[in-house]
């Protein structure tokens, strides 16, 4: 069985079912929420969602790597990456969903 992917449309539908708002209002609500998260991350802020997890920006320094195909050294430029750390509550729910106590 292939795992199902949750899309923005799925989130909008869930909000619509829970709150009874119009689908257009729900779509705008989901989009604005995601936009706020992205904007905060762009500013280098940490986004903490209680019971869900923490999104953080990490700066990775420049370093030398290796081309896996040719084995030649290659420069890896400095960059910013997004990391996500799940909350203990989420970890517990996911672990419980897999049948573990």
Protein backbone atom coordinates (compact mmCIF):
# COMPACT_ATOMS: atom_id res chain seq x y z
CA UNK A 1 0.00 0.00 0.00
CA UNK A 2 1.38 3.38 -1.04
CA UNK A 3 1.28 6.20 1.55
CA UNK A 4 -1.15 9.02 0.84
CA UNK A 5 0.08 12.60 0.46
CA UNK A 6 -1.81 15.40 2.21
CA UNK A 7 -2.16 18.40 -0.09
CA UNK A 8 -3.21 22.01 0.40
CA UNK A 9 -6.59 21.06 -1.03
CA UNK A 10 -6.91 18.34 1.64
CA UNK A 11 -6.10 20.88 4.36
CA UNK A 12 -8.66 23.32 2.93
CA UNK A 13 -11.30 20.60 2.85
CA UNK A 14 -10.55 19.62 6.47
CA UNK A 15 -10.90 23.25 7.58
CA UNK A 16 -14.14 23.51 5.60
CA UNK A 17 -15.53 20.38 7.28
CA UNK A 18 -14.46 21.52 10.76
CA UNK A 19 -15.43 25.18 10.65
CA UNK A 20 -18.14 25.30 8.02
CA UNK A 21 -16.57 28.29 6.26
CA UNK A 22 -16.80 28.54 2.50
CA UNK A 23 -14.20 26.63 0.54
CA UNK A 24 -12.83 29.93 -0.77
CA UNK A 25 -12.42 31.29 2.78
CA UNK A 26 -10.78 28.05 3.88
CA UNK A 27 -8.34 28.15 0.98
CA UNK A 28 -7.43 31.76 1.85
CA UNK A 29 -6.97 30.81 5.52
CA UNK A 30 -4.65 27.89 4.72
CA UNK A 31 -2.67 29.95 2.19
CA UNK A 32 -2.24 32.86 4.61
CA UNK A 33 -1.10 30.53 7.39
CA UNK A 34 1.52 28.94 5.16
CA UNK A 35 2.59 32.38 3.89
CA UNK A 36 3.13 33.60 7.46
CA UNK A 37 5.31 30.59 8.23
CA UNK A 38 7.40 31.13 5.08
CA UNK A 39 7.75 34.88 5.74
CA UNK A 40 8.98 34.24 9.29
CA UNK A 41 11.52 31.70 8.01
CA UNK A 42 12.70 34.15 5.34
CA UNK A 43 13.43 36.64 8.12
CA UNK A 44 15.47 33.96 9.89
CA UNK A 45 12.95 33.52 12.71
CA UNK A 46 12.11 30.22 14.37
CA UNK A 47 8.51 29.03 13.97
CA UNK A 48 7.19 27.02 16.93
CA UNK A 49 3.82 25.33 16.64
CA UNK A 50 2.87 23.92 20.02
CA UNK A 51 2.15 20.20 19.86
CA UNK A 52 3.43 20.05 16.27
CA UNK A 53 7.07 21.06 16.07
CA UNK A 54 9.69 23.70 15.32
CA UNK A 55 10.85 25.00 11.94
CA UNK A 56 14.30 26.59 11.99
CA UNK A 57 16.71 28.09 9.49
CA UNK A 58 20.29 26.86 9.69
CA UNK A 59 23.23 28.43 7.92
CA UNK A 60 25.57 25.88 6.39
CA UNK A 61 29.13 26.99 5.76
CA UNK A 62 31.04 26.57 2.54
CA UNK A 63 33.01 23.34 2.31
CA UNK A 64 34.71 21.02 -0.08
CA UNK A 65 32.78 17.99 -1.24
CA UNK A 66 33.28 15.36 -3.87
CA UNK A 67 31.46 14.71 -7.12
CA UNK A 68 30.04 11.20 -6.55
CA UNK A 69 30.23 10.33 -10.24
CA UNK A 70 33.80 11.40 -10.98
CA UNK A 71 35.32 11.53 -7.50
CA UNK A 72 36.68 15.03 -8.21
CA UNK A 73 36.66 17.64 -5.43
CA UNK A 74 33.87 20.19 -5.75
CA UNK A 75 33.16 23.38 -3.81
CA UNK A 76 29.85 23.44 -1.96
CA UNK A 77 28.64 27.00 -1.52
CA UNK A 78 27.27 28.33 1.79
CA UNK A 79 23.49 28.12 2.00
CA UNK A 80 20.51 28.32 4.30
CA UNK A 81 18.46 25.20 4.95
CA UNK A 82 15.17 24.61 6.73
CA UNK A 83 15.09 22.02 9.48
CA UNK A 84 12.02 20.65 11.24
CA UNK A 85 12.02 19.04 14.65
CA UNK A 86 8.78 17.32 15.64
CA UNK A 87 7.37 17.89 19.12
CA UNK A 88 7.27 15.08 21.66
CA UNK A 89 3.47 15.07 21.35
CA UNK A 90 3.65 14.51 17.60
CA UNK A 91 6.36 11.88 17.97
CA UNK A 92 4.19 10.04 20.48
CA UNK A 93 1.14 10.12 18.20
CA UNK A 94 3.11 8.95 15.17
CA UNK A 95 4.82 6.23 17.17
CA UNK A 96 1.44 5.13 18.57
CA UNK A 97 -0.01 5.04 15.05
CA UNK A 98 2.64 2.48 14.11
CA UNK A 99 1.39 0.12 16.80
CA UNK A 100 4.16 0.82 19.31
CA UNK A 101 3.43 1.66 22.90
